Amino acid sequence: MNKESDWILFRIKDRKFATRASIIKEILWFLPLNLTQVGGKGIFASFPLRGEIVMVLDLRLFWGENPEPYCLEDSLILIEGGIAIPISDVLEVVSWDESYYTQLGDDKGILEERVYKGDVVSLLDLSKFYPQESIKNAWDTEAFQKEATKRNEWYEKSFLPFSETERGILKKRLSTYIKSEIVLDQGGLDAISVVRSGEEDFGIPLGNVLEFSDPSQLTPVPGMPAILHGCMNLRGDVLPVVSLSELMGQVRKKPFFYGKVVIIREEESQFGLLVDELVDVVYKKLEDKLVAPLGSRTDGGSILDSSYKHNDSYVNVLNISALFSRVKQNLGS
């Protein structure tokens, strides 16, 4: 399998599709999903897998269709670049000549449609879905709000209908995958969530990002150091939320509830990091990694791990271990 002529046939609800086997990294059982507001069109959720964050892209969401509930029997096709696509089930592997494939031109990633065993099969080029640009507008713009509403609705109608018993099964599956020794291959790429604080962009390794949350849940804590912006209740756990601006030696001048909260983890610890804006998810070649900090206007050099050229400037990637140490030092814990 995985020769260029091998195709994996799979089903999504009542429709059949096929994609080149060579692009498939792994086929997973369906797992617990976390809502996300980063990533390009069609992406709405993520999940942790062996030290990495996998972004979930639903083809039906990408194509503008209506959400339907997932079920325990569904699967996730993991493709190159750390993107997973929900499917109903895998059907078979076939060998097809692709010498005459032509793009349909409908911007859906469909190479062609053909009849196989009496059914219409859509041949997909999944490489068209990765990498993708995120919605780059600020959080309070109409475009970003519209995209966020669409993702929220998809998540609520497709994933939240799972019962508590079913969620327990999903969590056991995830625990089994996490304990396995196979490492997710990002294809020589460094997966980074780019966030904005003040006038500067910073990178957070996706492997340390649990999810993104809204600051409207924050509660201020009087008498604490300036870096502690407040606390939030995340599904029963009270988390401290620190300001990235303050950590970088700058005074935060935004309204209290402005921005987004990135939930960051390291081993068994986690906290919220308040930023001004979620900018993008990017995949940088490891060979292009530079020594940090580059182009930085802050004094946070000790918690910057590396830098990458990004657009017309640089994005400095946070050193999560150093970040946790500085937070604990400032909060006296």
Protein backbone atom coordinates (compact mmCIF):
# COMPACT_ATOMS: atom_id res chain seq x y z
CA MET A 1 0.00 0.00 0.00
CA ASN A 2 0.94 3.72 -0.24
CA LYS A 3 2.11 3.44 -3.84
CA GLU A 4 1.05 6.51 -5.82
CA SER A 5 -1.52 4.38 -7.64
CA ASP A 6 -3.14 3.19 -4.37
CA TRP A 7 -6.29 4.98 -3.26
CA ILE A 8 -8.21 4.60 0.01
CA LEU A 9 -11.98 4.56 -0.43
CA PHE A 10 -14.03 5.89 2.47
CA ARG A 11 -17.55 6.98 3.28
CA ILE A 12 -18.87 10.19 4.82
CA LYS A 13 -22.55 9.65 5.69
CA ASP A 14 -24.13 8.40 2.44
CA ARG A 15 -21.41 9.61 0.05
CA LYS A 16 -18.22 7.85 -1.06
CA PHE A 17 -14.81 9.41 -1.55
CA ALA A 18 -11.26 8.33 -2.30
CA THR A 19 -7.86 9.87 -1.68
CA ARG A 20 -4.29 8.81 -2.41
CA ALA A 21 -3.06 6.36 0.21
CA SER A 22 0.37 8.02 0.17
CA ILE A 23 -0.94 11.12 1.98
CA ILE A 24 -2.52 9.13 4.83
CA LYS A 25 -0.40 8.99 7.98
CA GLU A 26 -2.82 7.03 10.17
CA ILE A 27 -6.50 6.15 10.61
CA LEU A 28 -7.78 6.79 14.14
CA TRP A 29 -10.95 5.99 16.02
CA PHE A 30 -13.03 9.09 16.70
CA LEU A 31 -11.64 11.05 19.69
CA PRO A 32 -12.65 13.93 22.02
CA LEU A 33 -12.53 17.27 20.23
CA ASN A 34 -11.84 20.81 21.48
CA LEU A 35 -13.39 23.80 19.74
CA THR A 36 -10.81 26.07 18.09
CA GLN A 37 -10.93 29.44 16.35
CA VAL A 38 -7.62 29.15 14.53
CA GLY A 39 -6.77 27.44 11.28
CA GLY A 40 -8.24 27.85 7.83
CA LYS A 41 -11.59 27.18 6.22
CA GLY A 42 -13.24 23.94 7.33
CA ILE A 43 -11.21 23.65 10.56
CA PHE A 44 -13.32 23.85 13.72
CA ALA A 45 -11.69 21.68 16.40
CA SER A 46 -8.45 20.09 17.59
CA PHE A 47 -7.22 17.27 19.82
CA PRO A 48 -3.87 16.37 21.44
CA LEU A 49 -2.01 13.35 20.04
CA ARG A 50 1.41 12.19 21.26
CA GLY A 51 2.73 15.62 22.14
CA GLU A 52 1.18 17.45 19.18
CA ILE A 53 -2.07 19.28 18.50
CA VAL A 54 -3.99 17.92 15.52
CA MET A 55 -6.39 20.27 13.75
CA VAL A 56 -9.74 18.78 12.67
CA LEU A 57 -11.06 19.76 9.23
CA ASP A 58 -14.53 18.58 8.24
CA LEU A 59 -15.00 18.45 4.48
CA ARG A 60 -18.72 19.13 4.81
CA LEU A 61 -18.03 22.31 6.79
CA PHE A 62 -15.46 23.29 4.15
CA TRP A 63 -18.09 22.80 1.45
CA GLY A 64 -20.73 24.83 3.31
CA GLU A 65 -23.04 21.94 4.21
CA ASN A 66 -25.15 21.53 7.36
CA PRO A 67 -23.78 19.80 10.49
CA GLU A 68 -24.92 16.34 11.58
CA PRO A 69 -23.96 14.51 14.80
CA TYR A 70 -20.87 12.30 14.79
CA CYS A 71 -21.04 8.81 16.27
CA LEU A 72 -18.67 6.43 18.09
CA GLU A 73 -18.19 4.34 14.95
CA ASP A 74 -16.77 7.30 13.02
CA SER A 75 -13.04 7.57 12.28
CA LEU A 76 -10.44 10.28 11.73
CA ILE A 77 -8.09 10.18 8.75
CA LEU A 78 -4.78 11.75 9.79
CA ILE A 79 -3.04 13.31 6.79
CA GLU A 80 0.33 14.98 6.36
CA GLY A 81 0.79 18.23 8.25
CA GLY A 82 -1.14 17.16 11.35
CA ILE A 83 -4.69 17.56 10.02
CA ALA A 84 -7.46 15.03 10.73
CA ILE A 85 -10.61 14.60 8.65
CA PRO A 86 -13.73 12.94 10.15
CA ILE A 87 -15.19 10.08 8.09
CA SER A 88 -17.86 7.42 8.66
CA ASP A 89 -15.70 4.42 7.76
CA VAL A 90 -12.94 3.10 5.49
CA LEU A 91 -14.17 0.83 2.69
CA GLU A 92 -11.18 -0.58 0.79
CA VAL A 93 -7.90 0.15 -0.98
CA VAL A 94 -7.88 0.14 -4.79
CA SER A 95 -5.21 0.73 -7.43
CA TRP A 96 -6.20 3.27 -10.08
CA ASP A 97 -4.39 4.83 -13.01
CA GLU A 98 -4.42 8.60 -12.53
CA SER A 99 -2.87 9.68 -15.81
CA TYR A 100 -6.00 11.44 -17.03
CA TYR A 101 -7.22 13.16 -13.87
CA THR A 102 -8.21 16.78 -14.31
CA GLN A 103 -9.21 19.29 -11.67
CA LEU A 104 -12.93 20.06 -11.77
CA GLY A 105 -12.25 23.73 -11.05
CA ASP A 106 -14.89 24.03 -8.32
CA ASP A 107 -12.31 24.79 -5.60
CA LYS A 108 -13.50 21.78 -3.56
CA GLY A 109 -10.36 19.70 -3.85
CA ILE A 110 -12.14 17.21 -6.11
CA LEU A 111 -10.08 15.73 -8.92
CA GLU A 112 -12.93 13.90 -10.61
CA GLU A 113 -15.97 11.74 -9.99
CA ARG A 114 -16.18 8.19 -11.30
CA VAL A 115 -18.48 5.20 -11.00
CA TYR A 116 -17.08 2.27 -9.03
CA LYS A 117 -19.11 -0.84 -8.19
CA GLY A 118 -22.29 0.99 -9.11
CA ASP A 119 -21.66 4.03 -6.84
CA VAL A 120 -20.31 7.49 -7.60
CA VAL A 121 -16.93 8.07 -5.92
CA SER A 122 -15.42 11.55 -5.62
CA LEU A 123 -11.63 11.49 -5.92
CA LEU A 124 -10.11 14.05 -3.55
CA ASP A 125 -6.78 15.80 -3.50
CA LEU A 126 -6.47 16.27 0.27
CA SER A 127 -3.22 18.18 -0.19
CA LYS A 128 -5.44 21.08 -1.32
CA PHE A 129 -6.67 21.41 2.25
CA TYR A 130 -3.20 21.86 3.79
CA PRO A 131 -1.69 24.21 4.69
CA GLN A 132 -4.46 26.78 4.89
CA GLU A 133 -4.52 30.41 5.85
CA SER A 134 -6.55 31.41 8.87
CA ILE A 135 -9.12 34.17 9.00
CA LYS A 136 -6.66 36.97 9.73
CA ASN A 137 -9.13 39.67 10.71
CA ALA A 138 -9.11 40.92 14.29
CA TRP A 139 -11.44 39.14 16.69
CA ASP A 140 -13.93 42.00 16.79
CA THR A 141 -14.35 42.26 12.99
CA GLU A 142 -17.49 41.05 11.26
CA ALA A 143 -15.64 38.44 9.18
CA PHE A 144 -13.99 36.79 12.17
CA GLN A 145 -17.18 36.86 14.22
CA LYS A 146 -19.11 35.23 11.37
CA GLU A 147 -16.50 32.48 11.05
CA ALA A 148 -16.47 31.93 14.82
CA THR A 149 -20.26 31.61 14.90
CA LYS A 150 -20.16 29.05 12.10
CA ARG A 151 -17.54 26.94 13.93
CA ASN A 152 -19.42 27.18 17.23
CA GLU A 153 -22.62 25.97 15.59
CA TRP A 154 -20.83 23.09 13.85
CA TYR A 155 -19.18 22.01 17.12
CA GLU A 156 -22.42 22.23 19.09
CA LYS A 157 -24.48 20.25 16.57
CA SER A 158 -21.88 17.68 15.53
CA PHE A 159 -19.83 16.88 18.66
CA LEU A 160 -21.76 18.00 21.77
CA PRO A 161 -24.65 15.50 21.25
CA PHE A 162 -22.38 12.70 22.54
CA SER A 163 -23.70 11.35 25.86
CA GLU A 164 -21.58 11.22 29.02
CA THR A 165 -21.10 7.47 28.54
CA GLU A 166 -19.94 7.98 24.95
CA ARG A 167 -17.57 10.77 26.02
CA GLY A 168 -16.03 8.36 28.51
CA ILE A 169 -15.33 5.91 25.69
CA LEU A 170 -13.76 8.69 23.61
CA LYS A 171 -11.48 9.67 26.50
CA LYS A 172 -10.32 6.06 26.95
CA ARG A 173 -9.47 5.92 23.26
CA LEU A 174 -7.45 9.12 23.52
CA SER A 175 -5.58 7.80 26.57
CA THR A 176 -4.64 4.68 24.61
CA TYR A 177 -3.28 6.72 21.70
CA ILE A 178 -1.36 9.08 23.99
CA LYS A 179 0.40 6.16 25.67
CA SER A 180 1.50 4.64 22.37
CA GLU A 181 5.10 5.21 21.31
CA ILE A 182 4.47 6.33 17.74
CA VAL A 183 5.39 9.99 17.26
CA LEU A 184 3.23 12.14 15.00
CA ASP A 185 5.34 13.17 12.03
CA GLN A 186 4.77 16.77 10.97
CA GLY A 187 6.88 16.19 7.88
CA GLY A 188 9.88 18.26 9.07
CA LEU A 189 7.61 21.17 10.02
CA ASP A 190 7.24 23.13 13.25
CA ALA A 191 3.54 23.67 14.02
CA ILE A 192 3.00 27.07 15.65
CA SER A 193 -0.02 29.08 16.75
CA VAL A 194 0.75 32.74 16.03
CA VAL A 195 -0.73 35.25 18.49
CA ARG A 196 -0.48 39.01 18.76
CA SER A 197 0.36 40.97 21.90
CA GLY A 198 0.68 44.72 21.55
CA GLU A 199 2.43 45.37 18.24
CA GLU A 200 4.31 42.07 18.09
CA ASP A 201 3.54 38.52 16.99
CA PHE A 202 4.61 35.52 19.06
CA GLY A 203 4.48 31.79 18.42
CA ILE A 204 3.17 29.09 20.75
CA PRO A 205 4.05 25.47 19.92
CA LEU A 206 0.77 23.75 19.04
CA GLY A 207 1.82 20.76 21.12
CA ASN A 208 1.43 22.94 24.24
CA VAL A 209 -1.94 24.44 23.28
CA LEU A 210 -4.99 22.75 24.80
CA GLU A 211 -7.67 25.11 23.51
CA PHE A 212 -8.72 28.73 23.09
CA SER A 213 -11.27 30.47 25.27
CA ASP A 214 -13.11 33.77 25.56
CA PRO A 215 -11.98 36.28 28.24
CA SER A 216 -15.60 37.04 29.16
CA GLN A 217 -15.27 34.22 31.75
CA LEU A 218 -12.44 36.02 33.56
CA THR A 219 -12.69 37.22 37.16
CA PRO A 220 -10.21 39.87 38.39
CA VAL A 221 -8.10 39.07 41.47
CA PRO A 222 -7.26 42.27 43.46
CA GLY A 223 -3.89 42.66 45.15
CA MET A 224 -2.01 40.23 42.89
CA PRO A 225 0.99 40.95 40.60
CA ALA A 226 0.21 42.76 37.37
CA ILE A 227 0.91 39.70 35.21
CA LEU A 228 -2.09 37.89 36.77
CA HIS A 229 -4.94 39.25 34.68
CA GLY A 230 -7.52 37.13 36.50
CA CYS A 231 -8.85 33.62 36.99
CA MET A 232 -11.33 31.53 35.05
CA ASN A 233 -13.36 28.39 35.67
CA LEU A 234 -12.64 25.88 32.94
CA ARG A 235 -15.00 22.90 33.31
CA GLY A 236 -14.60 22.86 37.08
CA ASP A 237 -10.91 23.77 37.25
CA VAL A 238 -9.89 27.27 38.35
CA LEU A 239 -7.01 28.45 36.18
CA PRO A 240 -4.83 31.55 36.56
CA VAL A 241 -4.77 33.70 33.43
CA VAL A 242 -1.63 35.75 32.90
CA SER A 243 -1.09 38.63 30.49
CA LEU A 244 1.51 38.04 27.79
CA SER A 245 2.04 41.81 27.53
CA GLU A 246 2.90 42.07 31.22
CA LEU A 247 5.15 39.02 31.00
CA MET A 248 7.04 40.80 28.24
CA GLY A 249 7.55 43.89 30.37
CA GLN A 250 4.84 46.01 28.76
CA VAL A 251 1.79 47.61 30.34
CA ARG A 252 -1.43 46.20 28.92
CA LYS A 253 -3.67 49.06 27.73
CA LYS A 254 -6.61 47.07 26.34
CA PRO A 255 -10.04 46.75 28.05
CA PHE A 256 -10.22 43.99 30.66
CA PHE A 257 -12.26 41.56 28.54
CA TYR A 258 -10.49 42.29 25.26
CA GLY A 259 -8.56 39.52 23.48
CA LYS A 260 -8.44 35.73 23.65
CA VAL A 261 -7.20 33.24 26.24
CA VAL A 262 -4.87 30.44 25.12
CA ILE A 263 -4.95 27.46 27.49
CA ILE A 264 -1.36 26.21 27.70
CA ARG A 265 -0.11 23.00 29.25
CA GLU A 266 3.20 21.45 30.22
CA GLU A 267 3.02 17.90 31.58
CA GLU A 268 0.33 18.05 34.31
CA SER A 269 0.25 21.86 34.71
CA GLN A 270 -1.79 24.37 32.77
CA PHE A 271 -2.74 28.05 32.81
CA GLY A 272 -4.34 30.66 30.57
CA LEU A 273 -2.32 33.15 28.54
CA LEU A 274 -4.16 36.34 27.60
CA VAL A 275 -3.26 37.72 24.16
CA ASP A 276 -4.75 40.46 22.03
CA GLU A 277 -5.48 38.40 18.96
CA LEU A 278 -5.27 34.91 17.44
CA VAL A 279 -3.50 35.46 14.14
CA ASP A 280 -2.81 32.16 12.41
CA VAL A 281 -1.59 28.58 12.58
CA VAL A 282 1.58 28.16 10.52
CA TYR A 283 3.92 25.31 9.68
CA LYS A 284 7.56 26.37 9.45
CA LYS A 285 10.44 24.29 8.12
CA LEU A 286 12.70 23.25 10.98
CA GLU A 287 15.70 24.08 8.83
CA ASP A 288 14.56 27.72 8.80
CA LYS A 289 14.63 28.05 12.60
CA LEU A 290 16.67 31.04 13.83
CA VAL A 291 18.02 32.12 17.22
CA ALA A 292 15.58 34.29 19.20
CA PRO A 293 14.83 37.06 19.70
CA LEU A 294 14.70 38.74 16.28
CA GLY A 295 12.86 41.99 15.71
CA SER A 296 11.47 41.94 19.25
CA ARG A 297 10.45 45.17 20.97
CA THR A 298 10.15 43.56 24.41
CA ASP A 299 12.50 42.44 27.17
CA GLY A 300 11.15 38.87 27.24
CA GLY A 301 14.21 37.33 25.62
CA SER A 302 14.66 34.71 28.33
CA ILE A 303 11.32 33.09 27.51
CA LEU A 304 11.79 33.16 23.73
CA ASP A 305 12.99 29.87 22.29
CA SER A 306 13.46 30.47 18.56
CA SER A 307 12.47 32.72 15.67
CA TYR A 308 11.12 32.27 12.16
CA LYS A 309 10.85 34.69 9.28
CA HIS A 310 7.13 35.41 8.96
CA ASN A 311 5.67 37.65 6.27
CA ASP A 312 7.75 40.85 6.39
CA SER A 313 8.94 40.39 9.96
CA TYR A 314 9.70 37.65 12.49
CA VAL A 315 7.65 35.54 14.87
CA ASN A 316 9.41 34.69 18.14
CA VAL A 317 8.39 31.32 19.56
CA LEU A 318 7.82 31.08 23.32
CA ASN A 319 9.84 28.66 25.41
CA ILE A 320 7.03 26.99 27.35
CA SER A 321 9.21 25.62 30.16
CA ALA A 322 10.76 29.05 30.75
CA LEU A 323 7.31 30.62 30.51
CA PHE A 324 5.94 28.32 33.23
CA SER A 325 8.97 29.07 35.44
CA ARG A 326 8.48 32.83 35.09
CA VAL A 327 4.76 32.58 35.85
CA LYS A 328 5.42 30.52 38.99
CA GLN A 329 8.16 32.92 40.09
CA ASN A 330 5.94 35.98 39.65
CA LEU A 331 2.95 34.38 41.36
CA GLY A 332 5.04 32.97 44.20
CA SER A 333 4.06 29.34 43.58
